[in-house]
Amino acid sequence: MNKMGKVLAALFLAVTLVSAAGCASSSKQEGTAEYVDDSVITSKVKAALFNEPSLKSAEINVETFKGAVQLSGFVSSQAAINKAVAVARAVGGVTSVKNDMRLK
């Protein structure tokens, strides 16, 4: 490799390393892997709620951050709230469940 090729290779490597360091996760920001994991957990919780015949899953919103699931929306009974929380807790990867659901 000639001198110019080595310089370009070194420059490319430096840019790549700086870019990768910029993607590192901090305590205030999710990394890409955490975001993907959270979206997978959200999808799994939504599917579990949908597959629970006693719940109207369209009325329950699911959000996930670092494995903590937040359920919100309006449901018809306290039993529905308890069931939704139990279903969400049973999903793999869920570290905690915050209930912000309200009775209508």
PDB file of N, CA and C in Angstrom:
ATOM      1  N   MET A   1       0.859  -1.168   0.000  1.00  0.00           N
ATOM      2  CA  MET A   1       0.000   0.000   0.000  1.00  0.00           C
ATOM      3  C   MET A   1       0.909   1.236   0.000  1.00  0.00           C
ATOM      4  N   ASN A   2       0.576   2.180  -0.831  1.00  0.00           N
ATOM      5  CA  ASN A   2       1.387   3.395  -0.884  1.00  0.00           C
ATOM      6  C   ASN A   2       1.079   4.304   0.306  1.00  0.00           C
ATOM      7  N   LYS A   3       1.841   5.370   0.440  1.00  0.00           N
ATOM      8  CA  LYS A   3       1.706   6.267   1.585  1.00  0.00           C
ATOM      9  C   LYS A   3       0.310   6.896   1.630  1.00  0.00           C
ATOM     10  N   MET A   4      -0.232   7.297   0.477  1.00  0.00           N
ATOM     11  CA  MET A   4      -1.556   7.914   0.434  1.00  0.00           C
ATOM     12  C   MET A   4      -2.620   6.915   0.879  1.00  0.00           C
ATOM     13  N   GLY A   5      -2.484   5.674   0.472  1.00  0.00           N
ATOM     14  CA  GLY A   5      -3.439   4.630   0.874  1.00  0.00           C
ATOM     15  C   GLY A   5      -3.422   4.416   2.376  1.00  0.00           C
ATOM     16  N   LYS A   6      -2.221   4.426   2.968  1.00  0.00           N
ATOM     17  CA  LYS A   6      -2.103   4.252   4.412  1.00  0.00           C
ATOM     18  C   LYS A   6      -2.738   5.412   5.158  1.00  0.00           C
ATOM     19  N   VAL A   7      -2.552   6.617   4.656  1.00  0.00           N
ATOM     20  CA  VAL A   7      -3.132   7.803   5.286  1.00  0.00           C
ATOM     21  C   VAL A   7      -4.660   7.728   5.217  1.00  0.00           C
ATOM     22  N   LEU A   8      -5.189   7.360   4.051  1.00  0.00           N
ATOM     23  CA  LEU A   8      -6.644   7.248   3.904  1.00  0.00           C
ATOM     24  C   LEU A   8      -7.203   6.146   4.805  1.00  0.00           C
ATOM     25  N   ALA A   9      -6.501   5.027   4.888  1.00  0.00           N
ATOM     26  CA  ALA A   9      -6.947   3.930   5.750  1.00  0.00           C
ATOM     27  C   ALA A   9      -6.960   4.375   7.211  1.00  0.00           C
ATOM     28  N   ALA A  10      -5.909   5.084   7.631  1.00  0.00           N
ATOM     29  CA  ALA A  10      -5.834   5.570   9.003  1.00  0.00           C
ATOM     30  C   ALA A  10      -6.941   6.587   9.277  1.00  0.00           C
ATOM     31  N   LEU A  11      -7.206   7.468   8.324  1.00  0.00           N
ATOM     32  CA  LEU A  11      -8.269   8.460   8.473  1.00  0.00           C
ATOM     33  C   LEU A  11      -9.623   7.783   8.582  1.00  0.00           C
ATOM     34  N   PHE A  12      -9.864   6.789   7.732  1.00  0.00           N
ATOM     35  CA  PHE A  12     -11.127   6.052   7.767  1.00  0.00           C
ATOM     36  C   PHE A  12     -11.309   5.368   9.123  1.00  0.00           C
ATOM     37  N   LEU A  13     -10.243   4.738   9.621  1.00  0.00           N
ATOM     38  CA  LEU A  13     -10.297   4.063  10.914  1.00  0.00           C
ATOM     39  C   LEU A  13     -10.594   5.058  12.034  1.00  0.00           C
ATOM     40  N   ALA A  14      -9.949   6.211  11.996  1.00  0.00           N
ATOM     41  CA  ALA A  14     -10.163   7.233  13.025  1.00  0.00           C
ATOM     42  C   ALA A  14     -11.611   7.722  13.013  1.00  0.00           C
ATOM     43  N   VAL A  15     -12.159   7.973  11.834  1.00  0.00           N
ATOM     44  CA  VAL A  15     -13.550   8.433  11.722  1.00  0.00           C
ATOM     45  C   VAL A  15     -14.504   7.363  12.233  1.00  0.00           C
ATOM     46  N   THR A  16     -14.223   6.111  11.887  1.00  0.00           N
ATOM     47  CA  THR A  16     -15.069   5.004  12.335  1.00  0.00           C
ATOM     48  C   THR A  16     -15.054   4.890  13.854  1.00  0.00           C
ATOM     49  N   LEU A  17     -13.885   4.979  14.471  1.00  0.00           N
ATOM     50  CA  LEU A  17     -13.787   4.875  15.925  1.00  0.00           C
ATOM     51  C   LEU A  17     -14.490   6.031  16.626  1.00  0.00           C
ATOM     52  N   VAL A  18     -14.334   7.227  16.103  1.00  0.00           N
ATOM     53  CA  VAL A  18     -15.006   8.388  16.699  1.00  0.00           C
ATOM     54  C   VAL A  18     -16.516   8.242  16.567  1.00  0.00           C
ATOM     55  N   SER A  19     -16.976   7.769  15.428  1.00  0.00           N
ATOM     56  CA  SER A  19     -18.414   7.568  15.224  1.00  0.00           C
ATOM     57  C   SER A  19     -18.952   6.526  16.186  1.00  0.00           C
ATOM     58  N   ALA A  20     -18.228   5.442  16.361  1.00  0.00           N
ATOM     59  CA  ALA A  20     -18.665   4.380  17.270  1.00  0.00           C
ATOM     60  C   ALA A  20     -18.697   4.879  18.705  1.00  0.00           C
ATOM     61  N   ALA A  21     -17.739   5.672  19.093  1.00  0.00           N
ATOM     62  CA  ALA A  21     -17.708   6.207  20.457  1.00  0.00           C
ATOM     63  C   ALA A  21     -18.900   7.128  20.687  1.00  0.00           C
ATOM     64  N   GLY A  22     -19.345   7.821  19.675  1.00  0.00           N
ATOM     65  CA  GLY A  22     -20.500   8.705  19.791  1.00  0.00           C
ATOM     66  C   GLY A  22     -21.791   7.953  19.995  1.00  0.00           C
ATOM     67  N   CYS A  23     -21.821   6.661  19.653  1.00  0.00           N
ATOM     68  CA  CYS A  23     -23.012   5.843  19.809  1.00  0.00           C
ATOM     69  C   CYS A  23     -23.056   5.132  21.153  1.00  0.00           C
ATOM     70  N   ALA A  24     -22.039   5.291  21.962  1.00  0.00           N
ATOM     71  CA  ALA A  24     -21.994   4.605  23.250  1.00  0.00           C
ATOM     72  C   ALA A  24     -23.145   5.069  24.131  1.00  0.00           C
ATOM     73  N   SER A  25     -23.674   4.161  24.900  1.00  0.00           N
ATOM     74  CA  SER A  25     -24.808   4.466  25.768  1.00  0.00           C
ATOM     75  C   SER A  25     -24.340   5.204  27.013  1.00  0.00           C
ATOM     76  N   SER A  26     -25.099   6.186  27.409  1.00  0.00           N
ATOM     77  CA  SER A  26     -24.822   6.888  28.655  1.00  0.00           C
ATOM     78  C   SER A  26     -25.986   6.648  29.595  1.00  0.00           C
ATOM     79  N   SER A  27     -25.896   7.159  30.805  1.00  0.00           N
ATOM     80  CA  SER A  27     -26.956   6.946  31.777  1.00  0.00           C
ATOM     81  C   SER A  27     -28.236   7.682  31.394  1.00  0.00           C
ATOM     82  N   LYS A  28     -28.141   8.688  30.558  1.00  0.00           N
ATOM     83  CA  LYS A  28     -29.318   9.469  30.187  1.00  0.00           C
ATOM     84  C   LYS A  28     -29.859   9.099  28.809  1.00  0.00           C
ATOM     85  N   GLN A  29     -29.179   8.232  28.099  1.00  0.00           N
ATOM     86  CA  GLN A  29     -29.547   7.956  26.713  1.00  0.00           C
ATOM     87  C   GLN A  29     -29.472   6.467  26.461  1.00  0.00           C
ATOM     88  N   GLU A  30     -30.457   5.957  25.726  1.00  0.00           N
ATOM     89  CA  GLU A  30     -30.454   4.544  25.390  1.00  0.00           C
ATOM     90  C   GLU A  30     -29.508   4.264  24.242  1.00  0.00           C
ATOM     91  N   GLY A  31     -28.812   3.156  24.310  1.00  0.00           N
ATOM     92  CA  GLY A  31     -28.014   2.703  23.186  1.00  0.00           C
ATOM     93  C   GLY A  31     -28.919   1.960  22.209  1.00  0.00           C
ATOM     94  N   THR A  32     -28.414   1.667  21.054  1.00  0.00           N
ATOM     95  CA  THR A  32     -29.203   0.997  20.025  1.00  0.00           C
ATOM     96  C   THR A  32     -29.700  -0.353  20.496  1.00  0.00           C
ATOM     97  N   ALA A  33     -28.851  -1.133  21.152  1.00  0.00           N
ATOM     98  CA  ALA A  33     -29.256  -2.465  21.606  1.00  0.00           C
ATOM     99  C   ALA A  33     -30.374  -2.366  22.637  1.00  0.00           C
ATOM    100  N   GLU A  34     -30.294  -1.397  23.545  1.00  0.00           N
ATOM    101  CA  GLU A  34     -31.344  -1.226  24.541  1.00  0.00           C
ATOM    102  C   GLU A  34     -32.655  -0.842  23.868  1.00  0.00           C
ATOM    103  N   TYR A  35     -32.589   0.027  22.866  1.00  0.00           N
ATOM    104  CA  TYR A  35     -33.796   0.441  22.165  1.00  0.00           C
ATOM    105  C   TYR A  35     -34.444  -0.748  21.487  1.00  0.00           C
ATOM    106  N   VAL A  36     -33.645  -1.588  20.825  1.00  0.00           N
ATOM    107  CA  VAL A  36     -34.178  -2.769  20.151  1.00  0.00           C
ATOM    108  C   VAL A  36     -34.785  -3.703  21.178  1.00  0.00           C
ATOM    109  N   ASP A  37     -34.088  -3.942  22.296  1.00  0.00           N
ATOM    110  CA  ASP A  37     -34.627  -4.805  23.339  1.00  0.00           C
ATOM    111  C   ASP A  37     -35.948  -4.262  23.866  1.00  0.00           C
ATOM    112  N   ASP A  38     -36.025  -2.959  24.118  1.00  0.00           N
ATOM    113  CA  ASP A  38     -37.255  -2.353  24.619  1.00  0.00           C
ATOM    114  C   ASP A  38     -38.391  -2.482  23.610  1.00  0.00           C
ATOM    115  N   SER A  39     -38.096  -2.308  22.333  1.00  0.00           N
ATOM    116  CA  SER A  39     -39.158  -2.433  21.335  1.00  0.00           C
ATOM    117  C   SER A  39     -39.642  -3.877  21.228  1.00  0.00           C
ATOM    118  N   VAL A  40     -38.721  -4.831  21.404  1.00  0.00           N
ATOM    119  CA  VAL A  40     -39.112  -6.242  21.403  1.00  0.00           C
ATOM    120  C   VAL A  40     -39.995  -6.538  22.617  1.00  0.00           C
ATOM    121  N   ILE A  41     -39.606  -6.035  23.784  1.00  0.00           N
ATOM    122  CA  ILE A  41     -40.413  -6.238  24.991  1.00  0.00           C
ATOM    123  C   ILE A  41     -41.790  -5.620  24.811  1.00  0.00           C
ATOM    124  N   THR A  42     -41.849  -4.401  24.279  1.00  0.00           N
ATOM    125  CA  THR A  42     -43.134  -3.743  24.041  1.00  0.00           C
ATOM    126  C   THR A  42     -44.015  -4.601  23.135  1.00  0.00           C
ATOM    127  N   SER A  43     -43.439  -5.125  22.062  1.00  0.00           N
ATOM    128  CA  SER A  43     -44.199  -5.975  21.135  1.00  0.00           C
ATOM    129  C   SER A  43     -44.693  -7.244  21.816  1.00  0.00           C
ATOM    130  N   LYS A  44     -43.836  -7.844  22.630  1.00  0.00           N
ATOM    131  CA  LYS A  44     -44.236  -9.066  23.338  1.00  0.00           C
ATOM    132  C   LYS A  44     -45.358  -8.796  24.333  1.00  0.00           C
ATOM    133  N   VAL A  45     -45.275  -7.678  25.057  1.00  0.00           N
ATOM    134  CA  VAL A  45     -46.323  -7.333  26.018  1.00  0.00           C
ATOM    135  C   VAL A  45     -47.634  -7.059  25.285  1.00  0.00           C
ATOM    136  N   LYS A  46     -47.574  -6.307  24.181  1.00  0.00           N
ATOM    137  CA  LYS A  46     -48.796  -6.029  23.407  1.00  0.00           C
ATOM    138  C   LYS A  46     -49.418  -7.323  22.905  1.00  0.00           C
ATOM    139  N   ALA A  47     -48.583  -8.252  22.428  1.00  0.00           N
ATOM    140  CA  ALA A  47     -49.098  -9.537  21.938  1.00  0.00           C
ATOM    141  C   ALA A  47     -49.730 -10.335  23.075  1.00  0.00           C
ATOM    142  N   ALA A  48     -49.089 -10.339  24.234  1.00  0.00           N
ATOM    143  CA  ALA A  48     -49.628 -11.065  25.385  1.00  0.00           C
ATOM    144  C   ALA A  48     -50.965 -10.465  25.823  1.00  0.00           C
ATOM    145  N   LEU A  49     -51.066  -9.140  25.830  1.00  0.00           N
ATOM    146  CA  LEU A  49     -52.327  -8.487  26.189  1.00  0.00           C
ATOM    147  C   LEU A  49     -53.408  -8.789  25.161  1.00  0.00           C
ATOM    148  N   PHE A  50     -53.019  -8.775  23.883  1.00  0.00           N
ATOM    149  CA  PHE A  50     -53.969  -9.063  22.802  1.00  0.00           C
ATOM    150  C   PHE A  50     -54.505 -10.498  22.912  1.00  0.00           C
ATOM    151  N   ASN A  51     -53.627 -11.426  23.306  1.00  0.00           N
ATOM    152  CA  ASN A  51     -54.009 -12.835  23.404  1.00  0.00           C
ATOM    153  C   ASN A  51     -54.768 -13.170  24.682  1.00  0.00           C
ATOM    154  N   GLU A  52     -54.933 -12.186  25.550  1.00  0.00           N
ATOM    155  CA  GLU A  52     -55.695 -12.396  26.781  1.00  0.00           C
ATOM    156  C   GLU A  52     -57.155 -12.023  26.511  1.00  0.00           C
ATOM    157  N   PRO A  53     -58.056 -13.030  26.438  1.00  0.00           N
ATOM    158  CA  PRO A  53     -59.440 -12.756  26.034  1.00  0.00           C
ATOM    159  C   PRO A  53     -60.211 -11.828  26.968  1.00  0.00           C
ATOM    160  N   SER A  54     -59.815 -11.740  28.225  1.00  0.00           N
ATOM    161  CA  SER A  54     -60.568 -10.901  29.157  1.00  0.00           C
ATOM    162  C   SER A  54     -60.199  -9.420  29.069  1.00  0.00           C
ATOM    163  N   LEU A  55     -59.222  -9.080  28.216  1.00  0.00           N
ATOM    164  CA  LEU A  55     -58.778  -7.690  28.099  1.00  0.00           C
ATOM    165  C   LEU A  55     -59.092  -7.120  26.726  1.00  0.00           C
ATOM    166  N   LYS A  56     -59.424  -5.839  26.704  1.00  0.00           N
ATOM    167  CA  LYS A  56     -59.548  -5.104  25.441  1.00  0.00           C
ATOM    168  C   LYS A  56     -58.207  -4.410  25.224  1.00  0.00           C
ATOM    169  N   SER A  57     -57.308  -5.121  24.572  1.00  0.00           N
ATOM    170  CA  SER A  57     -55.927  -4.637  24.468  1.00  0.00           C
ATOM    171  C   SER A  57     -55.796  -3.339  23.681  1.00  0.00           C
ATOM    172  N   ALA A  58     -56.758  -3.025  22.822  1.00  0.00           N
ATOM    173  CA  ALA A  58     -56.676  -1.793  22.028  1.00  0.00           C
ATOM    174  C   ALA A  58     -56.765  -0.557  22.925  1.00  0.00           C
ATOM    175  N   GLU A  59     -57.279  -0.734  24.136  1.00  0.00           N
ATOM    176  CA  GLU A  59     -57.432   0.395  25.045  1.00  0.00           C
ATOM    177  C   GLU A  59     -56.262   0.527  26.024  1.00  0.00           C
ATOM    178  N   ILE A  60     -55.266  -0.370  25.888  1.00  0.00           N
ATOM    179  CA  ILE A  60     -54.112  -0.348  26.786  1.00  0.00           C
ATOM    180  C   ILE A  60     -52.869   0.020  25.983  1.00  0.00           C
ATOM    181  N   ASN A  61     -52.213   1.093  26.399  1.00  0.00           N
ATOM    182  CA  ASN A  61     -50.979   1.526  25.751  1.00  0.00           C
ATOM    183  C   ASN A  61     -49.793   0.944  26.508  1.00  0.00           C
ATOM    184  N   VAL A  62     -48.757   0.556  25.757  1.00  0.00           N
ATOM    185  CA  VAL A  62     -47.568  -0.049  26.355  1.00  0.00           C
ATOM    186  C   VAL A  62     -46.341   0.741  25.921  1.00  0.00           C
ATOM    187  N   GLU A  63     -45.527   1.140  26.889  1.00  0.00           N
ATOM    188  CA  GLU A  63     -44.244   1.777  26.614  1.00  0.00           C
ATOM    189  C   GLU A  63     -43.199   1.096  27.472  1.00  0.00           C
ATOM    190  N   THR A  64     -41.975   0.971  26.943  1.00  0.00           N
ATOM    191  CA  THR A  64     -40.904   0.294  27.669  1.00  0.00           C
ATOM    192  C   THR A  64     -39.639   1.137  27.630  1.00  0.00           C
ATOM    193  N   PHE A  65     -38.981   1.239  28.780  1.00  0.00           N
ATOM    194  CA  PHE A  65     -37.683   1.915  28.851  1.00  0.00           C
ATOM    195  C   PHE A  65     -36.786   1.100  29.764  1.00  0.00           C
ATOM    196  N   LYS A  66     -35.702   0.565  29.186  1.00  0.00           N
ATOM    197  CA  LYS A  66     -34.740  -0.255  29.919  1.00  0.00           C
ATOM    198  C   LYS A  66     -35.416  -1.394  30.673  1.00  0.00           C
ATOM    199  N   GLY A  67     -36.379  -2.032  30.029  1.00  0.00           N
ATOM    200  CA  GLY A  67     -37.060  -3.194  30.596  1.00  0.00           C
ATOM    201  C   GLY A  67     -38.238  -2.865  31.491  1.00  0.00           C
ATOM    202  N   ALA A  68     -38.389  -1.598  31.867  1.00  0.00           N
ATOM    203  CA  ALA A  68     -39.515  -1.188  32.708  1.00  0.00           C
ATOM    204  C   ALA A  68     -40.701  -0.854  31.797  1.00  0.00           C
ATOM    205  N   VAL A  69     -41.794  -1.555  32.010  1.00  0.00           N
ATOM    206  CA  VAL A  69     -42.978  -1.394  31.171  1.00  0.00           C
ATOM    207  C   VAL A  69     -43.969  -0.472  31.871  1.00  0.00           C
ATOM    208  N   GLN A  70     -44.524   0.459  31.098  1.00  0.00           N
ATOM    209  CA  GLN A  70     -45.559   1.353  31.613  1.00  0.00           C
ATOM    210  C   GLN A  70     -46.841   1.057  30.854  1.00  0.00           C
ATOM    211  N   LEU A  71     -47.895   0.745  31.582  1.00  0.00           N
ATOM    212  CA  LEU A  71     -49.209   0.495  30.989  1.00  0.00           C
ATOM    213  C   LEU A  71     -50.093   1.705  31.270  1.00  0.00           C
ATOM    214  N   SER A  72     -50.775   2.190  30.246  1.00  0.00           N
ATOM    215  CA  SER A  72     -51.685   3.315  30.422  1.00  0.00           C
ATOM    216  C   SER A  72     -52.916   3.089  29.555  1.00  0.00           C
ATOM    217  N   GLY A  73     -53.919   3.912  29.788  1.00  0.00           N
ATOM    218  CA  GLY A  73     -55.163   3.792  29.036  1.00  0.00           C
ATOM    219  C   GLY A  73     -56.331   3.623  29.984  1.00  0.00           C
ATOM    220  N   PHE A  74     -57.470   3.296  29.417  1.00  0.00           N
ATOM    221  CA  PHE A  74     -58.697   3.159  30.200  1.00  0.00           C
ATOM    222  C   PHE A  74     -59.216   1.738  30.080  1.00  0.00           C
ATOM    223  N   VAL A  75     -59.552   1.157  31.234  1.00  0.00           N
ATOM    224  CA  VAL A  75     -60.111  -0.195  31.277  1.00  0.00           C
ATOM    225  C   VAL A  75     -61.398  -0.167  32.094  1.00  0.00           C
ATOM    226  N   SER A  76     -62.170  -1.250  31.991  1.00  0.00           N
ATOM    227  CA  SER A  76     -63.503  -1.248  32.587  1.00  0.00           C
ATOM    228  C   SER A  76     -63.549  -1.689  34.050  1.00  0.00           C
ATOM    229  N   SER A  77     -62.493  -2.330  34.569  1.00  0.00           N
ATOM    230  CA  SER A  77     -62.565  -2.815  35.947  1.00  0.00           C
ATOM    231  C   SER A  77     -61.175  -2.924  36.572  1.00  0.00           C
ATOM    232  N   GLN A  78     -61.176  -3.007  37.899  1.00  0.00           N
ATOM    233  CA  GLN A  78     -59.925  -3.216  38.622  1.00  0.00           C
ATOM    234  C   GLN A  78     -59.355  -4.591  38.283  1.00  0.00           C
ATOM    235  N   ALA A  79     -60.238  -5.563  38.039  1.00  0.00           N
ATOM    236  CA  ALA A  79     -59.782  -6.903  37.655  1.00  0.00           C
ATOM    237  C   ALA A  79     -59.003  -6.851  36.338  1.00  0.00           C
ATOM    238  N   ALA A  80     -59.447  -6.019  35.405  1.00  0.00           N
ATOM    239  CA  ALA A  80     -58.743  -5.871  34.123  1.00  0.00           C
ATOM    240  C   ALA A  80     -57.366  -5.246  34.342  1.00  0.00           C
ATOM    241  N   ILE A  81     -57.283  -4.284  35.248  1.00  0.00           N
ATOM    242  CA  ILE A  81     -55.989  -3.665  35.576  1.00  0.00           C
ATOM    243  C   ILE A  81     -55.052  -4.724  36.149  1.00  0.00           C
ATOM    244  N   ASN A  82     -55.553  -5.478  37.129  1.00  0.00           N
ATOM    245  CA  ASN A  82     -54.730  -6.506  37.768  1.00  0.00           C
ATOM    246  C   ASN A  82     -54.269  -7.552  36.752  1.00  0.00           C
ATOM    247  N   LYS A  83     -55.169  -7.949  35.847  1.00  0.00           N
ATOM    248  CA  LYS A  83     -54.826  -8.960  34.848  1.00  0.00           C
ATOM    249  C   LYS A  83     -53.772  -8.428  33.881  1.00  0.00           C
ATOM    250  N   ALA A  84     -53.935  -7.192  33.422  1.00  0.00           N
ATOM    251  CA  ALA A  84     -52.977  -6.593  32.486  1.00  0.00           C
ATOM    252  C   ALA A  84     -51.588  -6.501  33.119  1.00  0.00           C
ATOM    253  N   VAL A  85     -51.517  -6.104  34.369  1.00  0.00           N
ATOM    254  CA  VAL A  85     -50.239  -6.005  35.072  1.00  0.00           C
ATOM    255  C   VAL A  85     -49.613  -7.393  35.198  1.00  0.00           C
ATOM    256  N   ALA A  86     -50.418  -8.392  35.550  1.00  0.00           N
ATOM    257  CA  ALA A  86     -49.912  -9.758  35.696  1.00  0.00           C
ATOM    258  C   ALA A  86     -49.405 -10.303  34.363  1.00  0.00           C
ATOM    259  N   VAL A  87     -50.142 -10.041  33.288  1.00  0.00           N
ATOM    260  CA  VAL A  87     -49.737 -10.504  31.958  1.00  0.00           C
ATOM    261  C   VAL A  87     -48.418  -9.845  31.558  1.00  0.00           C
ATOM    262  N   ALA A  88     -48.298  -8.543  31.790  1.00  0.00           N
ATOM    263  CA  ALA A  88     -47.068  -7.820  31.431  1.00  0.00           C
ATOM    264  C   ALA A  88     -45.880  -8.338  32.242  1.00  0.00           C
ATOM    265  N   ARG A  89     -46.080  -8.584  33.526  1.00  0.00           N
ATOM    266  CA  ARG A  89     -44.983  -9.071  34.383  1.00  0.00           C
ATOM    267  C   ARG A  89     -44.470 -10.435  33.924  1.00  0.00           C
ATOM    268  N   ALA A  90     -45.345 -11.231  33.318  1.00  0.00           N
ATOM    269  CA  ALA A  90     -44.977 -12.591  32.909  1.00  0.00           C
ATOM    270  C   ALA A  90     -44.144 -12.627  31.630  1.00  0.00           C
ATOM    271  N   VAL A  91     -44.039 -11.507  30.938  1.00  0.00           N
ATOM    272  CA  VAL A  91     -43.294 -11.456  29.679  1.00  0.00           C
ATOM    273  C   VAL A  91     -41.797 -11.404  29.975  1.00  0.00           C
ATOM    274  N   GLY A  92     -41.031 -12.202  29.253  1.00  0.00           N
ATOM    275  CA  GLY A  92     -39.586 -12.240  29.434  1.00  0.00           C
ATOM    276  C   GLY A  92     -38.931 -10.902  29.124  1.00  0.00           C
ATOM    277  N   GLY A  93     -37.994 -10.489  29.965  1.00  0.00           N
ATOM    278  CA  GLY A  93     -37.280  -9.231  29.766  1.00  0.00           C
ATOM    279  C   GLY A  93     -37.866  -8.069  30.531  1.00  0.00           C
ATOM    280  N   VAL A  94     -39.091  -8.226  31.049  1.00  0.00           N
ATOM    281  CA  VAL A  94     -39.731  -7.147  31.805  1.00  0.00           C
ATOM    282  C   VAL A  94     -39.124  -7.106  33.197  1.00  0.00           C
ATOM    283  N   THR A  95     -38.574  -5.949  33.565  1.00  0.00           N
ATOM    284  CA  THR A  95     -37.957  -5.810  34.887  1.00  0.00           C
ATOM    285  C   THR A  95     -38.929  -5.251  35.912  1.00  0.00           C
ATOM    286  N   SER A  96     -39.892  -4.436  35.462  1.00  0.00           N
ATOM    287  CA  SER A  96     -40.911  -3.888  36.350  1.00  0.00           C
ATOM    288  C   SER A  96     -42.094  -3.426  35.502  1.00  0.00           C
ATOM    289  N   VAL A  97     -43.238  -3.246  36.169  1.00  0.00           N
ATOM    290  CA  VAL A  97     -44.438  -2.773  35.478  1.00  0.00           C
ATOM    291  C   VAL A  97     -45.003  -1.612  36.274  1.00  0.00           C
ATOM    292  N   LYS A  98     -45.195  -0.490  35.584  1.00  0.00           N
ATOM    293  CA  LYS A  98     -45.817   0.691  36.192  1.00  0.00           C
ATOM    294  C   LYS A  98     -47.241   0.780  35.656  1.00  0.00           C
ATOM    295  N   ASN A  99     -48.190   0.834  36.553  1.00  0.00           N
ATOM    296  CA  ASN A  99     -49.600   0.896  36.158  1.00  0.00           C
ATOM    297  C   ASN A  99     -50.091   2.332  36.163  1.00  0.00           C
ATOM    298  N   ASP A 100     -50.378   2.854  34.971  1.00  0.00           N
ATOM    299  CA  ASP A 100     -50.999   4.164  34.851  1.00  0.00           C
ATOM    300  C   ASP A 100     -52.382   4.036  34.200  1.00  0.00           C
ATOM    301  N   MET A 101     -52.974   2.854  34.269  1.00  0.00           N
ATOM    302  CA  MET A 101     -54.295   2.638  33.689  1.00  0.00           C
ATOM    303  C   MET A 101     -55.352   3.254  34.603  1.00  0.00           C
ATOM    304  N   ARG A 102     -56.437   3.674  34.012  1.00  0.00           N
ATOM    305  CA  ARG A 102     -57.541   4.304  34.749  1.00  0.00           C
ATOM    306  C   ARG A 102     -58.836   3.563  34.449  1.00  0.00           C
ATOM    307  N   LEU A 103     -59.738   3.594  35.425  1.00  0.00           N
ATOM    308  CA  LEU A 103     -61.070   3.012  35.225  1.00  0.00           C
ATOM    309  C   LEU A 103     -61.931   3.992  34.460  1.00  0.00           C
ATOM    310  N   LYS A 104     -62.713   3.459  33.527  1.00  0.00           N
ATOM    311  CA  LYS A 104     -63.614   4.365  32.795  1.00  0.00           C
ATOM    312  C   LYS A 104     -65.007   4.261  33.320  1.00  0.00           C
TER     313      LYS A 104
END
